[in-house]
Structure formats: C-alpha cells, structure tokens
Amino acid sequence: MITLTADNFEEQVLRSDRPVLVDFWTDWCPPCKMIAPILEEIADEYADRLTVAKLDAEEHPEIAQRYGVLGFPTLNLYRNGEVVRQIVGARPKRLLLADLEGHI
C-alpha cells in the first residue's frame, strides 16, 4: 500500500494508468483502524489491477477538502484522474468489493 502526500498525490493518483483506491483516514478514527487490514488484503489480492493508497487527512487537509471528504474513512476510487466512486465509512470486505465491482 502506498502512502500519499501532497508531493506525490498527483503522480501516484491522478496520473496513474490504472485505478487507485485512496483511503482518506485520520489517526483518531477507530473505523479507519478497523478497515486498514481489509485494505491491505485488497491491495495484495488485486495488485495486478488496482493500486491502494492511504492519505492522512489531518496532515494533508487541502487534498481532503479538494475531494469533498467530510467523514472518515472515505475511500475514493480514481480512474484517469477522476473520482469514479466514493465510499464513506468502514464496511466488511465483501461489501467493499461489491461497491468497487465494475470499476476494478
């Protein structure tokens, strides 16, 4: 899983040639901690067709604000530099994959 910053967000997400699932999280968010292992599994299982990345929204609030992130965790799926799916809140792996179906 990639750790995003203001310095690498454009290159790693907006210019990526494959879909990128970005986890906007904060350190004080219990659901963010609950979903982290699920995202690690998805990153491993779908490594050939999906990039999974994390962005600490407290360290980079300008990026979170730019994409309308109001709650945590928020997962944005980017394709060709555009958000094609936004998922707010933690959920089980099977429901998360169902939400991403058709996009990855």
PDB file of N, CA and C in Angstrom:
ATOM      1  N   MET A   1       0.854  -1.170   0.000  1.00  0.00           N
ATOM      2  CA  MET A   1       0.000   0.000   0.000  1.00  0.00           C
ATOM      3  C   MET A   1       0.901   1.234   0.000  1.00  0.00           C
ATOM      4  N   ILE A   2       0.527   2.208  -0.801  1.00  0.00           N
ATOM      5  CA  ILE A   2       1.304   3.434  -0.951  1.00  0.00           C
ATOM      6  C   ILE A   2       0.840   4.475   0.065  1.00  0.00           C
ATOM      7  N   THR A   3       1.788   5.200   0.638  1.00  0.00           N
ATOM      8  CA  THR A   3       1.459   6.329   1.497  1.00  0.00           C
ATOM      9  C   THR A   3       1.543   7.592   0.661  1.00  0.00           C
ATOM     10  N   LEU A   4       0.444   8.327   0.625  1.00  0.00           N
ATOM     11  CA  LEU A   4       0.370   9.534  -0.196  1.00  0.00           C
ATOM     12  C   LEU A   4       0.673  10.781   0.619  1.00  0.00           C
ATOM     13  N   THR A   5       1.224  11.776  -0.085  1.00  0.00           N
ATOM     14  CA  THR A   5       1.480  13.098   0.483  1.00  0.00           C
ATOM     15  C   THR A   5       1.099  14.125  -0.576  1.00  0.00           C
ATOM     16  N   ALA A   6       1.183  15.381  -0.217  1.00  0.00           N
ATOM     17  CA  ALA A   6       0.930  16.444  -1.197  1.00  0.00           C
ATOM     18  C   ALA A   6       1.954  16.377  -2.324  1.00  0.00           C
ATOM     19  N   ASP A   7       3.148  15.889  -2.027  1.00  0.00           N
ATOM     20  CA  ASP A   7       4.210  15.822  -3.033  1.00  0.00           C
ATOM     21  C   ASP A   7       4.008  14.728  -4.071  1.00  0.00           C
ATOM     22  N   ASN A   8       3.366  13.614  -3.698  1.00  0.00           N
ATOM     23  CA  ASN A   8       3.250  12.514  -4.660  1.00  0.00           C
ATOM     24  C   ASN A   8       1.814  12.210  -5.097  1.00  0.00           C
ATOM     25  N   PHE A   9       0.826  12.939  -4.593  1.00  0.00           N
ATOM     26  CA  PHE A   9      -0.576  12.639  -4.896  1.00  0.00           C
ATOM     27  C   PHE A   9      -0.851  12.705  -6.402  1.00  0.00           C
ATOM     28  N   GLU A  10      -0.420  13.772  -7.042  1.00  0.00           N
ATOM     29  CA  GLU A  10      -0.700  13.917  -8.474  1.00  0.00           C
ATOM     30  C   GLU A  10      -0.085  12.781  -9.288  1.00  0.00           C
ATOM     31  N   GLU A  11       1.170  12.478  -9.018  1.00  0.00           N
ATOM     32  CA  GLU A  11       1.851  11.427  -9.779  1.00  0.00           C
ATOM     33  C   GLU A  11       1.259  10.051  -9.504  1.00  0.00           C
ATOM     34  N   GLN A  12       1.057   9.714  -8.228  1.00  0.00           N
ATOM     35  CA  GLN A  12       0.610   8.373  -7.853  1.00  0.00           C
ATOM     36  C   GLN A  12      -0.876   8.124  -8.100  1.00  0.00           C
ATOM     37  N   VAL A  13      -1.688   9.177  -8.058  1.00  0.00           N
ATOM     38  CA  VAL A  13      -3.135   9.001  -8.184  1.00  0.00           C
ATOM     39  C   VAL A  13      -3.660   9.561  -9.503  1.00  0.00           C
ATOM     40  N   LEU A  14      -3.461  10.839  -9.721  1.00  0.00           N
ATOM     41  CA  LEU A  14      -4.075  11.500 -10.870  1.00  0.00           C
ATOM     42  C   LEU A  14      -3.457  11.091 -12.203  1.00  0.00           C
ATOM     43  N   ARG A  15      -2.191  10.724 -12.197  1.00  0.00           N
ATOM     44  CA  ARG A  15      -1.519  10.314 -13.437  1.00  0.00           C
ATOM     45  C   ARG A  15      -1.380   8.802 -13.584  1.00  0.00           C
ATOM     46  N   SER A  16      -1.959   8.056 -12.681  1.00  0.00           N
ATOM     47  CA  SER A  16      -1.836   6.604 -12.716  1.00  0.00           C
ATOM     48  C   SER A  16      -2.547   6.036 -13.937  1.00  0.00           C
ATOM     49  N   ASP A  17      -1.955   4.993 -14.508  1.00  0.00           N
ATOM     50  CA  ASP A  17      -2.574   4.360 -15.677  1.00  0.00           C
ATOM     51  C   ASP A  17      -3.538   3.238 -15.292  1.00  0.00           C
ATOM     52  N   ARG A  18      -3.751   3.062 -13.983  1.00  0.00           N
ATOM     53  CA  ARG A  18      -4.742   2.083 -13.523  1.00  0.00           C
ATOM     54  C   ARG A  18      -5.529   2.669 -12.357  1.00  0.00           C
ATOM     55  N   PRO A  19      -6.642   2.045 -11.982  1.00  0.00           N
ATOM     56  CA  PRO A  19      -7.447   2.581 -10.886  1.00  0.00           C
ATOM     57  C   PRO A  19      -6.655   2.658  -9.578  1.00  0.00           C
ATOM     58  N   VAL A  20      -6.943   3.705  -8.793  1.00  0.00           N
ATOM     59  CA  VAL A  20      -6.299   3.896  -7.498  1.00  0.00           C
ATOM     60  C   VAL A  20      -7.389   4.114  -6.456  1.00  0.00           C
ATOM     61  N   LEU A  21      -7.377   3.277  -5.426  1.00  0.00           N
ATOM     62  CA  LEU A  21      -8.299   3.415  -4.300  1.00  0.00           C
ATOM     63  C   LEU A  21      -7.556   4.153  -3.199  1.00  0.00           C
ATOM     64  N   VAL A  22      -8.029   5.356  -2.867  1.00  0.00           N
ATOM     65  CA  VAL A  22      -7.366   6.177  -1.855  1.00  0.00           C
ATOM     66  C   VAL A  22      -8.194   6.157  -0.576  1.00  0.00           C
ATOM     67  N   ASP A  23      -7.535   5.763   0.501  1.00  0.00           N
ATOM     68  CA  ASP A  23      -8.133   5.746   1.830  1.00  0.00           C
ATOM     69  C   ASP A  23      -7.768   7.054   2.522  1.00  0.00           C
ATOM     70  N   PHE A  24      -8.759   7.937   2.674  1.00  0.00           N
ATOM     71  CA  PHE A  24      -8.576   9.169   3.448  1.00  0.00           C
ATOM     72  C   PHE A  24      -8.877   8.799   4.902  1.00  0.00           C
ATOM     73  N   TRP A  25      -7.883   8.877   5.764  1.00  0.00           N
ATOM     74  CA  TRP A  25      -8.014   8.421   7.140  1.00  0.00           C
ATOM     75  C   TRP A  25      -7.415   9.444   8.099  1.00  0.00           C
ATOM     76  N   THR A  26      -7.682   9.226   9.392  1.00  0.00           N
ATOM     77  CA  THR A  26      -7.048  10.014  10.448  1.00  0.00           C
ATOM     78  C   THR A  26      -6.646   9.061  11.570  1.00  0.00           C
ATOM     79  N   ASP A  27      -5.689   9.482  12.352  1.00  0.00           N
ATOM     80  CA  ASP A  27      -5.168   8.652  13.432  1.00  0.00           C
ATOM     81  C   ASP A  27      -6.187   8.444  14.553  1.00  0.00           C
ATOM     82  N   TRP A  28      -7.098   9.379  14.751  1.00  0.00           N
ATOM     83  CA  TRP A  28      -8.060   9.300  15.849  1.00  0.00           C
ATOM     84  C   TRP A  28      -9.348   8.557  15.480  1.00  0.00           C
ATOM     85  N   CYS A  29      -9.407   7.990  14.295  1.00  0.00           N
ATOM     86  CA  CYS A  29     -10.625   7.377  13.755  1.00  0.00           C
ATOM     87  C   CYS A  29     -10.626   5.851  13.949  1.00  0.00           C
ATOM     88  N   PRO A  30     -11.429   5.319  14.905  1.00  0.00           N
ATOM     89  CA  PRO A  30     -11.480   3.860  15.102  1.00  0.00           C
ATOM     90  C   PRO A  30     -11.911   3.074  13.854  1.00  0.00           C
ATOM     91  N   PRO A  31     -12.936   3.520  13.089  1.00  0.00           N
ATOM     92  CA  PRO A  31     -13.286   2.766  11.881  1.00  0.00           C
ATOM     93  C   PRO A  31     -12.146   2.727  10.855  1.00  0.00           C
ATOM     94  N   CYS A  32     -11.322   3.764  10.849  1.00  0.00           N
ATOM     95  CA  CYS A  32     -10.166   3.769   9.938  1.00  0.00           C
ATOM     96  C   CYS A  32      -9.219   2.629  10.291  1.00  0.00           C
ATOM     97  N   LYS A  33      -9.041   2.409  11.569  1.00  0.00           N
ATOM     98  CA  LYS A  33      -8.158   1.325  12.026  1.00  0.00           C
ATOM     99  C   LYS A  33      -8.780  -0.037  11.737  1.00  0.00           C
ATOM    100  N   MET A  34     -10.097  -0.113  11.802  1.00  0.00           N
ATOM    101  CA  MET A  34     -10.784  -1.373  11.517  1.00  0.00           C
ATOM    102  C   MET A  34     -10.662  -1.762  10.046  1.00  0.00           C
ATOM    103  N   ILE A  35     -10.714  -0.797   9.161  1.00  0.00           N
ATOM    104  CA  ILE A  35     -10.712  -1.092   7.731  1.00  0.00           C
ATOM    105  C   ILE A  35      -9.296  -1.276   7.168  1.00  0.00           C
ATOM    106  N   ALA A  36      -8.287  -0.826   7.886  1.00  0.00           N
ATOM    107  CA  ALA A  36      -6.907  -0.891   7.386  1.00  0.00           C
ATOM    108  C   ALA A  36      -6.471  -2.307   6.986  1.00  0.00           C
ATOM    109  N   PRO A  37      -6.708  -3.343   7.805  1.00  0.00           N
ATOM    110  CA  PRO A  37      -6.290  -4.688   7.385  1.00  0.00           C
ATOM    111  C   PRO A  37      -7.041  -5.182   6.150  1.00  0.00           C
ATOM    112  N   ILE A  38      -8.291  -4.773   6.010  1.00  0.00           N
ATOM    113  CA  ILE A  38      -9.077  -5.160   4.830  1.00  0.00           C
ATOM    114  C   ILE A  38      -8.458  -4.536   3.576  1.00  0.00           C
ATOM    115  N   LEU A  39      -8.064  -3.281   3.678  1.00  0.00           N
ATOM    116  CA  LEU A  39      -7.445  -2.608   2.537  1.00  0.00           C
ATOM    117  C   LEU A  39      -6.102  -3.234   2.183  1.00  0.00           C
ATOM    118  N   GLU A  40      -5.358  -3.689   3.191  1.00  0.00           N
ATOM    119  CA  GLU A  40      -4.092  -4.390   2.935  1.00  0.00           C
ATOM    120  C   GLU A  40      -4.356  -5.673   2.138  1.00  0.00           C
ATOM    121  N   GLU A  41      -5.396  -6.421   2.533  1.00  0.00           N
ATOM    122  CA  GLU A  41      -5.756  -7.648   1.812  1.00  0.00           C
ATOM    123  C   GLU A  41      -6.134  -7.336   0.371  1.00  0.00           C
ATOM    124  N   ILE A  42      -6.952  -6.323   0.174  1.00  0.00           N
ATOM    125  CA  ILE A  42      -7.367  -5.951  -1.184  1.00  0.00           C
ATOM    126  C   ILE A  42      -6.153  -5.519  -2.004  1.00  0.00           C
ATOM    127  N   ALA A  43      -5.247  -4.756  -1.395  1.00  0.00           N
ATOM    128  CA  ALA A  43      -4.035  -4.323  -2.091  1.00  0.00           C
ATOM    129  C   ALA A  43      -3.240  -5.531  -2.578  1.00  0.00           C
ATOM    130  N   ASP A  44      -3.123  -6.562  -1.740  1.00  0.00           N
ATOM    131  CA  ASP A  44      -2.383  -7.763  -2.123  1.00  0.00           C
ATOM    132  C   ASP A  44      -3.120  -8.571  -3.187  1.00  0.00           C
ATOM    133  N   GLU A  45      -4.409  -8.781  -2.980  1.00  0.00           N
ATOM    134  CA  GLU A  45      -5.187  -9.638  -3.873  1.00  0.00           C
ATOM    135  C   GLU A  45      -5.416  -9.026  -5.253  1.00  0.00           C
ATOM    136  N   TYR A  46      -5.484  -7.709  -5.334  1.00  0.00           N
ATOM    137  CA  TYR A  46      -5.778  -7.044  -6.605  1.00  0.00           C
ATOM    138  C   TYR A  46      -4.580  -6.252  -7.121  1.00  0.00           C
ATOM    139  N   ALA A  47      -3.381  -6.592  -6.679  1.00  0.00           N
ATOM    140  CA  ALA A  47      -2.169  -5.835  -7.006  1.00  0.00           C
ATOM    141  C   ALA A  47      -1.929  -5.721  -8.511  1.00  0.00           C
ATOM    142  N   ASP A  48      -2.423  -6.666  -9.281  1.00  0.00           N
ATOM    143  CA  ASP A  48      -2.199  -6.632 -10.722  1.00  0.00           C
ATOM    144  C   ASP A  48      -3.113  -5.646 -11.463  1.00  0.00           C
ATOM    145  N   ARG A  49      -4.165  -5.145 -10.788  1.00  0.00           N
ATOM    146  CA  ARG A  49      -5.092  -4.249 -11.499  1.00  0.00           C
ATOM    147  C   ARG A  49      -5.582  -3.054 -10.692  1.00  0.00           C
ATOM    148  N   LEU A  50      -5.128  -2.921  -9.443  1.00  0.00           N
ATOM    149  CA  LEU A  50      -5.580  -1.829  -8.593  1.00  0.00           C
ATOM    150  C   LEU A  50      -4.445  -1.398  -7.675  1.00  0.00           C
ATOM    151  N   THR A  51      -4.277  -0.099  -7.532  1.00  0.00           N
ATOM    152  CA  THR A  51      -3.348   0.443  -6.553  1.00  0.00           C
ATOM    153  C   THR A  51      -4.169   0.915  -5.366  1.00  0.00           C
ATOM    154  N   VAL A  52      -3.737   0.557  -4.163  1.00  0.00           N
ATOM    155  CA  VAL A  52      -4.396   1.012  -2.940  1.00  0.00           C
ATOM    156  C   VAL A  52      -3.420   1.934  -2.219  1.00  0.00           C
ATOM    157  N   ALA A  53      -3.920   3.104  -1.819  1.00  0.00           N
ATOM    158  CA  ALA A  53      -3.060   4.110  -1.199  1.00  0.00           C
ATOM    159  C   ALA A  53      -3.767   4.733  -0.006  1.00  0.00           C
ATOM    160  N   LYS A  54      -2.977   5.303   0.906  1.00  0.00           N
ATOM    161  CA  LYS A  54      -3.514   5.946   2.105  1.00  0.00           C
ATOM    162  C   LYS A  54      -3.062   7.396   2.140  1.00  0.00           C
ATOM    163  N   LEU A  55      -3.971   8.263   2.583  1.00  0.00           N
ATOM    164  CA  LEU A  55      -3.625   9.671   2.756  1.00  0.00           C
ATOM    165  C   LEU A  55      -4.136  10.119   4.121  1.00  0.00           C
ATOM    166  N   ASP A  56      -3.223  10.566   4.983  1.00  0.00           N
ATOM    167  CA  ASP A  56      -3.602  11.086   6.297  1.00  0.00           C
ATOM    168  C   ASP A  56      -4.244  12.457   6.080  1.00  0.00           C
ATOM    169  N   ALA A  57      -5.544  12.523   6.294  1.00  0.00           N
ATOM    170  CA  ALA A  57      -6.295  13.745   6.004  1.00  0.00           C
ATOM    171  C   ALA A  57      -5.963  14.892   6.953  1.00  0.00           C
ATOM    172  N   GLU A  58      -5.455  14.593   8.132  1.00  0.00           N
ATOM    173  CA  GLU A  58      -5.046  15.669   9.040  1.00  0.00           C
ATOM    174  C   GLU A  58      -3.734  16.292   8.606  1.00  0.00           C
ATOM    175  N   GLU A  59      -2.850  15.483   8.019  1.00  0.00           N
ATOM    176  CA  GLU A  59      -1.577  16.014   7.538  1.00  0.00           C
ATOM    177  C   GLU A  59      -1.731  16.739   6.205  1.00  0.00           C
ATOM    178  N   HIS A  60      -2.742  16.373   5.437  1.00  0.00           N
ATOM    179  CA  HIS A  60      -2.948  16.955   4.108  1.00  0.00           C
ATOM    180  C   HIS A  60      -4.408  17.363   3.917  1.00  0.00           C
ATOM    181  N   PRO A  61      -4.903  18.299   4.735  1.00  0.00           N
ATOM    182  CA  PRO A  61      -6.326  18.660   4.672  1.00  0.00           C
ATOM    183  C   PRO A  61      -6.727  19.303   3.349  1.00  0.00           C
ATOM    184  N   GLU A  62      -5.794  19.929   2.666  1.00  0.00           N
ATOM    185  CA  GLU A  62      -6.131  20.577   1.400  1.00  0.00           C
ATOM    186  C   GLU A  62      -6.580  19.562   0.357  1.00  0.00           C
ATOM    187  N   ILE A  63      -5.980  18.371   0.365  1.00  0.00           N
ATOM    188  CA  ILE A  63      -6.376  17.335  -0.595  1.00  0.00           C
ATOM    189  C   ILE A  63      -7.737  16.769  -0.206  1.00  0.00           C
ATOM    190  N   ALA A  64      -7.932  16.510   1.072  1.00  0.00           N
ATOM    191  CA  ALA A  64      -9.228  16.003   1.536  1.00  0.00           C
ATOM    192  C   ALA A  64     -10.343  16.988   1.195  1.00  0.00           C
ATOM    193  N   GLN A  65     -10.102  18.270   1.416  1.00  0.00           N
ATOM    194  CA  GLN A  65     -11.110  19.293   1.105  1.00  0.00           C
ATOM    195  C   GLN A  65     -11.388  19.363  -0.392  1.00  0.00           C
ATOM    196  N   ARG A  66     -10.342  19.251  -1.195  1.00  0.00           N
ATOM    197  CA  ARG A  66     -10.496  19.323  -2.655  1.00  0.00           C
ATOM    198  C   ARG A  66     -11.459  18.260  -3.166  1.00  0.00           C
ATOM    199  N   TYR A  67     -11.480  17.087  -2.492  1.00  0.00           N
ATOM    200  CA  TYR A  67     -12.317  15.983  -2.945  1.00  0.00           C
ATOM    201  C   TYR A  67     -13.555  15.778  -2.076  1.00  0.00           C
ATOM    202  N   GLY A  68     -13.899  16.767  -1.272  1.00  0.00           N
ATOM    203  CA  GLY A  68     -15.147  16.742  -0.517  1.00  0.00           C
ATOM    204  C   GLY A  68     -15.195  15.703   0.580  1.00  0.00           C
ATOM    205  N   VAL A  69     -14.051  15.350   1.133  1.00  0.00           N
ATOM    206  CA  VAL A  69     -14.009  14.357   2.200  1.00  0.00           C
ATOM    207  C   VAL A  69     -14.431  15.027   3.502  1.00  0.00           C
ATOM    208  N   LEU A  70     -15.541  14.552   4.064  1.00  0.00           N
ATOM    209  CA  LEU A  70     -16.085  15.126   5.291  1.00  0.00           C
ATOM    210  C   LEU A  70     -16.061  14.143   6.459  1.00  0.00           C
ATOM    211  N   GLY A  71     -16.105  12.856   6.173  1.00  0.00           N
ATOM    212  CA  GLY A  71     -16.108  11.833   7.213  1.00  0.00           C
ATOM    213  C   GLY A  71     -14.996  10.832   6.966  1.00  0.00           C
ATOM    214  N   PHE A  72     -14.689  10.060   7.993  1.00  0.00           N
ATOM    215  CA  PHE A  72     -13.585   9.110   7.890  1.00  0.00           C
ATOM    216  C   PHE A  72     -14.018   7.727   8.347  1.00  0.00           C
ATOM    217  N   PRO A  73     -13.539   6.699   7.696  1.00  0.00           N
ATOM    218  CA  PRO A  73     -12.735   6.752   6.493  1.00  0.00           C
ATOM    219  C   PRO A  73     -13.590   7.073   5.269  1.00  0.00           C
ATOM    220  N   THR A  74     -12.986   7.723   4.311  1.00  0.00           N
ATOM    221  CA  THR A  74     -13.581   7.905   2.995  1.00  0.00           C
ATOM    222  C   THR A  74     -12.644   7.260   1.993  1.00  0.00           C
ATOM    223  N   LEU A  75     -13.210   6.418   1.144  1.00  0.00           N
ATOM    224  CA  LEU A  75     -12.434   5.755   0.105  1.00  0.00           C
ATOM    225  C   LEU A  75     -12.868   6.315  -1.236  1.00  0.00           C
ATOM    226  N   ASN A  76     -11.934   6.931  -1.938  1.00  0.00           N
ATOM    227  CA  ASN A  76     -12.208   7.435  -3.282  1.00  0.00           C
ATOM    228  C   ASN A  76     -11.502   6.541  -4.287  1.00  0.00           C
ATOM    229  N   LEU A  77     -12.239   6.113  -5.294  1.00  0.00           N
ATOM    230  CA  LEU A  77     -11.644   5.346  -6.379  1.00  0.00           C
ATOM    231  C   LEU A  77     -11.441   6.282  -7.558  1.00  0.00           C
ATOM    232  N   TYR A  78     -10.193   6.425  -7.965  1.00  0.00           N
ATOM    233  CA  TYR A  78      -9.822   7.308  -9.071  1.00  0.00           C
ATOM    234  C   TYR A  78      -9.506   6.476 -10.301  1.00  0.00           C
ATOM    235  N   ARG A  79      -9.981   6.968 -11.433  1.00  0.00           N
ATOM    236  CA  ARG A  79      -9.640   6.370 -12.724  1.00  0.00           C
ATOM    237  C   ARG A  79      -9.396   7.530 -13.682  1.00  0.00           C
ATOM    238  N   ASN A  80      -8.246   7.536 -14.319  1.00  0.00           N
ATOM    239  CA  ASN A  80      -7.871   8.615 -15.237  1.00  0.00           C
ATOM    240  C   ASN A  80      -7.971   9.984 -14.568  1.00  0.00           C
ATOM    241  N   GLY A  81      -7.570  10.048 -13.300  1.00  0.00           N
ATOM    242  CA  GLY A  81      -7.527  11.316 -12.582  1.00  0.00           C
ATOM    243  C   GLY A  81      -8.848  11.809 -12.038  1.00  0.00           C
ATOM    244  N   GLU A  82      -9.915  11.044 -12.214  1.00  0.00           N
ATOM    245  CA  GLU A  82     -11.246  11.451 -11.762  1.00  0.00           C
ATOM    246  C   GLU A  82     -11.783  10.473 -10.727  1.00  0.00           C
ATOM    247  N   VAL A  83     -12.559  10.994  -9.778  1.00  0.00           N
ATOM    248  CA  VAL A  83     -13.218  10.130  -8.800  1.00  0.00           C
ATOM    249  C   VAL A  83     -14.403   9.456  -9.485  1.00  0.00           C
ATOM    250  N   VAL A  84     -14.390   8.118  -9.511  1.00  0.00           N
ATOM    251  CA  VAL A  84     -15.492   7.377 -10.125  1.00  0.00           C
ATOM    252  C   VAL A  84     -16.379   6.703  -9.086  1.00  0.00           C
ATOM    253  N   ARG A  85     -15.896   6.650  -7.836  1.00  0.00           N
ATOM    254  CA  ARG A  85     -16.691   6.051  -6.755  1.00  0.00           C
ATOM    255  C   ARG A  85     -16.192   6.609  -5.438  1.00  0.00           C
ATOM    256  N   GLN A  86     -17.119   6.947  -4.535  1.00  0.00           N
ATOM    257  CA  GLN A  86     -16.752   7.392  -3.197  1.00  0.00           C
ATOM    258  C   GLN A  86     -17.531   6.546  -2.192  1.00  0.00           C
ATOM    259  N   ILE A  87     -16.800   5.993  -1.226  1.00  0.00           N
ATOM    260  CA  ILE A  87     -17.392   5.146  -0.198  1.00  0.00           C
ATOM    261  C   ILE A  87     -17.035   5.763   1.150  1.00  0.00           C
ATOM    262  N   VAL A  88     -18.052   6.063   1.952  1.00  0.00           N
ATOM    263  CA  VAL A  88     -17.817   6.676   3.255  1.00  0.00           C
ATOM    264  C   VAL A  88     -18.147   5.663   4.344  1.00  0.00           C
ATOM    265  N   GLY A  89     -17.202   5.466   5.246  1.00  0.00           N
ATOM    266  CA  GLY A  89     -17.404   4.557   6.371  1.00  0.00           C
ATOM    267  C   GLY A  89     -16.789   3.190   6.140  1.00  0.00           C
ATOM    268  N   ALA A  90     -16.531   2.510   7.247  1.00  0.00           N
ATOM    269  CA  ALA A  90     -15.967   1.166   7.190  1.00  0.00           C
ATOM    270  C   ALA A  90     -17.061   0.164   6.867  1.00  0.00           C
ATOM    271  N   ARG A  91     -16.671  -0.900   6.185  1.00  0.00           N
ATOM    272  CA  ARG A  91     -17.599  -1.983   5.891  1.00  0.00           C
ATOM    273  C   ARG A  91     -16.816  -3.277   5.706  1.00  0.00           C
ATOM    274  N   PRO A  92     -17.483  -4.408   5.784  1.00  0.00           N
ATOM    275  CA  PRO A  92     -16.792  -5.680   5.589  1.00  0.00           C
ATOM    276  C   PRO A  92     -16.213  -5.777   4.173  1.00  0.00           C
ATOM    277  N   LYS A  93     -15.233  -6.622   4.040  1.00  0.00           N
ATOM    278  CA  LYS A  93     -14.528  -6.774   2.763  1.00  0.00           C
ATOM    279  C   LYS A  93     -15.482  -7.099   1.612  1.00  0.00           C
ATOM    280  N   ARG A  94     -16.390  -8.024   1.816  1.00  0.00           N
ATOM    281  CA  ARG A  94     -17.285  -8.423   0.715  1.00  0.00           C
ATOM    282  C   ARG A  94     -18.159  -7.260   0.248  1.00  0.00           C
ATOM    283  N   LEU A  95     -18.603  -6.410   1.177  1.00  0.00           N
ATOM    284  CA  LEU A  95     -19.415  -5.255   0.785  1.00  0.00           C
ATOM    285  C   LEU A  95     -18.558  -4.189   0.094  1.00  0.00           C
ATOM    286  N   LEU A  96     -17.345  -4.036   0.567  1.00  0.00           N
ATOM    287  CA  LEU A  96     -16.440  -3.084  -0.067  1.00  0.00           C
ATOM    288  C   LEU A  96     -16.133  -3.516  -1.503  1.00  0.00           C
ATOM    289  N   LEU A  97     -15.852  -4.788  -1.697  1.00  0.00           N
ATOM    290  CA  LEU A  97     -15.585  -5.292  -3.050  1.00  0.00           C
ATOM    291  C   LEU A  97     -16.830  -5.168  -3.929  1.00  0.00           C
ATOM    292  N   ALA A  98     -18.003  -5.372  -3.366  1.00  0.00           N
ATOM    293  CA  ALA A  98     -19.243  -5.201  -4.129  1.00  0.00           C
ATOM    294  C   ALA A  98     -19.403  -3.765  -4.582  1.00  0.00           C
ATOM    295  N   ASP A  99     -19.033  -2.813  -3.720  1.00  0.00           N
ATOM    296  CA  ASP A  99     -19.101  -1.399  -4.076  1.00  0.00           C
ATOM    297  C   ASP A  99     -18.117  -1.038  -5.191  1.00  0.00           C
ATOM    298  N   LEU A 100     -17.022  -1.745  -5.244  1.00  0.00           N
ATOM    299  CA  LEU A 100     -15.987  -1.458  -6.254  1.00  0.00           C
ATOM    300  C   LEU A 100     -16.203  -2.235  -7.562  1.00  0.00           C
ATOM    301  N   GLU A 101     -17.115  -3.210  -7.521  1.00  0.00           N
ATOM    302  CA  GLU A 101     -17.360  -4.040  -8.683  1.00  0.00           C
ATOM    303  C   GLU A 101     -17.699  -3.187  -9.910  1.00  0.00           C
ATOM    304  N   GLY A 102     -17.130  -3.557 -11.016  1.00  0.00           N
ATOM    305  CA  GLY A 102     -17.355  -2.808 -12.244  1.00  0.00           C
ATOM    306  C   GLY A 102     -16.366  -1.673 -12.443  1.00  0.00           C
ATOM    307  N   HIS A 103     -15.612  -1.375 -11.410  1.00  0.00           N
ATOM    308  CA  HIS A 103     -14.625  -0.285 -11.510  1.00  0.00           C
ATOM    309  C   HIS A 103     -13.195  -0.810 -11.516  1.00  0.00           C
ATOM    310  N   ILE A 104     -13.008  -2.055 -11.040  1.00  0.00           N
ATOM    311  CA  ILE A 104     -11.640  -2.614 -10.999  1.00  0.00           C
ATOM    312  C   ILE A 104     -11.571  -3.906 -11.786  1.00  0.00           C
TER     313      ILE A 104
END
